[in-house]
Amino acid sequence: MNALITLLFSLLAIIVPLALLIAVIVMIVRFIDRYEKRADARLDLERQAAAHQQQKFDVLVEHLERIEEKIEVRS
């Protein structure tokens, strides 16, 4: 009986640190995955914002060209 308890505690001494190490690795991988997803989402939002700003800029350039044409016609 005493040997069985000693064997059980020695197995626990091996299994518990191993289980903790695996749990820490899994948590790190999940954290990295979440961080990458957030970074991808931010990058998509920045791309959309840049595209929207480019569209606004293009519209402003068109307006400026029309104004310049009208000024040239009047001059």
C-alpha atoms as a PDB file:
ATOM      1  CA  MET A   1       0.000   0.000   0.000  1.00  0.00           C
ATOM      2  CA  ASN A   2       2.810   2.379   0.889  1.00  0.00           C
ATOM      3  CA  ALA A   3       4.540   1.650  -2.408  1.00  0.00           C
ATOM      4  CA  LEU A   4       1.318   2.313  -4.302  1.00  0.00           C
ATOM      5  CA  ILE A   5       0.936   5.741  -2.703  1.00  0.00           C
ATOM      6  CA  THR A   6       4.579   6.553  -3.426  1.00  0.00           C
ATOM      7  CA  LEU A   7       4.096   5.483  -7.050  1.00  0.00           C
ATOM      8  CA  LEU A   8       0.961   7.608  -7.320  1.00  0.00           C
ATOM      9  CA  PHE A   9       2.715  10.705  -5.951  1.00  0.00           C
ATOM     10  CA  SER A  10       5.690  10.183  -8.246  1.00  0.00           C
ATOM     11  CA  LEU A  11       3.343   9.949 -11.235  1.00  0.00           C
ATOM     12  CA  LEU A  12       1.606  13.117 -10.101  1.00  0.00           C
ATOM     13  CA  ALA A  13       4.973  14.803  -9.751  1.00  0.00           C
ATOM     14  CA  ILE A  14       5.621  14.024 -13.408  1.00  0.00           C
ATOM     15  CA  ILE A  15       2.116  14.593 -14.831  1.00  0.00           C
ATOM     16  CA  VAL A  16       1.179  17.871 -13.084  1.00  0.00           C
ATOM     17  CA  PRO A  17       4.124  19.964 -14.349  1.00  0.00           C
ATOM     18  CA  LEU A  18       3.661  18.473 -17.807  1.00  0.00           C
ATOM     19  CA  ALA A  19      -0.042  19.346 -17.761  1.00  0.00           C
ATOM     20  CA  LEU A  20       0.749  22.879 -16.588  1.00  0.00           C
ATOM     21  CA  LEU A  21       3.297  23.302 -19.359  1.00  0.00           C
ATOM     22  CA  ILE A  22       0.794  22.132 -21.966  1.00  0.00           C
ATOM     23  CA  ALA A  23      -1.856  24.480 -20.542  1.00  0.00           C
ATOM     24  CA  VAL A  24       0.538  27.438 -20.712  1.00  0.00           C
ATOM     25  CA  ILE A  25       1.473  26.612 -24.312  1.00  0.00           C
ATOM     26  CA  VAL A  26      -2.208  26.380 -25.292  1.00  0.00           C
ATOM     27  CA  MET A  27      -2.933  29.735 -23.645  1.00  0.00           C
ATOM     28  CA  ILE A  28      -0.018  31.384 -25.439  1.00  0.00           C
ATOM     29  CA  VAL A  29      -1.161  30.022 -28.807  1.00  0.00           C
ATOM     30  CA  ARG A  30      -4.714  31.261 -28.198  1.00  0.00           C
ATOM     31  CA  PHE A  31      -3.416  34.693 -27.200  1.00  0.00           C
ATOM     32  CA  ILE A  32      -1.309  34.910 -30.351  1.00  0.00           C
ATOM     33  CA  ASP A  33      -4.257  33.861 -32.516  1.00  0.00           C
ATOM     34  CA  ARG A  34      -6.503  36.510 -30.964  1.00  0.00           C
ATOM     35  CA  TYR A  35      -3.793  39.145 -31.353  1.00  0.00           C
ATOM     36  CA  GLU A  36      -3.343  38.255 -35.035  1.00  0.00           C
ATOM     37  CA  LYS A  37      -7.094  38.404 -35.663  1.00  0.00           C
ATOM     38  CA  ARG A  38      -7.283  41.847 -34.044  1.00  0.00           C
ATOM     39  CA  ALA A  39      -4.290  43.026 -36.060  1.00  0.00           C
ATOM     40  CA  ASP A  40      -5.896  41.757 -39.278  1.00  0.00           C
ATOM     41  CA  ALA A  41      -9.148  43.518 -38.411  1.00  0.00           C
ATOM     42  CA  ARG A  42      -7.307  46.784 -37.719  1.00  0.00           C
ATOM     43  CA  LEU A  43      -5.421  46.454 -40.993  1.00  0.00           C
ATOM     44  CA  ASP A  44      -8.673  45.904 -42.895  1.00  0.00           C
ATOM     45  CA  LEU A  45     -10.201  48.986 -41.265  1.00  0.00           C
ATOM     46  CA  GLU A  46      -7.144  51.064 -42.147  1.00  0.00           C
ATOM     47  CA  ARG A  47      -7.304  49.861 -45.751  1.00  0.00           C
ATOM     48  CA  GLN A  48     -10.986  50.757 -45.950  1.00  0.00           C
ATOM     49  CA  ALA A  49     -10.300  54.174 -44.466  1.00  0.00           C
ATOM     50  CA  ALA A  50      -7.468  54.768 -46.932  1.00  0.00           C
ATOM     51  CA  ALA A  51      -9.687  53.747 -49.856  1.00  0.00           C
ATOM     52  CA  HIS A  52     -12.432  56.079 -48.616  1.00  0.00           C
ATOM     53  CA  GLN A  53      -9.981  58.965 -48.270  1.00  0.00           C
ATOM     54  CA  GLN A  54      -8.676  58.266 -51.771  1.00  0.00           C
ATOM     55  CA  GLN A  55     -12.234  58.436 -53.113  1.00  0.00           C
ATOM     56  CA  LYS A  56     -12.796  61.760 -51.363  1.00  0.00           C
ATOM     57  CA  PHE A  57      -9.513  63.059 -52.735  1.00  0.00           C
ATOM     58  CA  ASP A  58     -10.471  61.992 -56.262  1.00  0.00           C
ATOM     59  CA  VAL A  59     -13.783  63.836 -55.951  1.00  0.00           C
ATOM     60  CA  LEU A  60     -12.001  66.961 -54.750  1.00  0.00           C
ATOM     61  CA  VAL A  61      -9.566  66.768 -57.656  1.00  0.00           C
ATOM     62  CA  GLU A  62     -12.488  66.508 -60.084  1.00  0.00           C
ATOM     63  CA  HIS A  63     -14.118  69.568 -58.515  1.00  0.00           C
ATOM     64  CA  LEU A  64     -10.853  71.470 -58.690  1.00  0.00           C
ATOM     65  CA  GLU A  65     -10.420  70.567 -62.360  1.00  0.00           C
ATOM     66  CA  ARG A  66     -13.941  71.790 -63.136  1.00  0.00           C
ATOM     67  CA  ILE A  67     -13.277  75.051 -61.315  1.00  0.00           C
ATOM     68  CA  GLU A  68      -9.997  75.510 -63.198  1.00  0.00           C
ATOM     69  CA  GLU A  69     -11.777  74.853 -66.514  1.00  0.00           C
ATOM     70  CA  LYS A  70     -14.441  77.440 -65.674  1.00  0.00           C
ATOM     71  CA  ILE A  71     -11.753  79.988 -64.753  1.00  0.00           C
ATOM     72  CA  GLU A  72      -9.893  79.332 -68.018  1.00  0.00           C
ATOM     73  CA  VAL A  73     -13.095  79.751 -70.037  1.00  0.00           C
ATOM     74  CA  ARG A  74     -13.840  83.103 -68.368  1.00  0.00           C
ATOM     75  CA  SER A  75     -10.292  84.380 -68.791  1.00  0.00           C
END
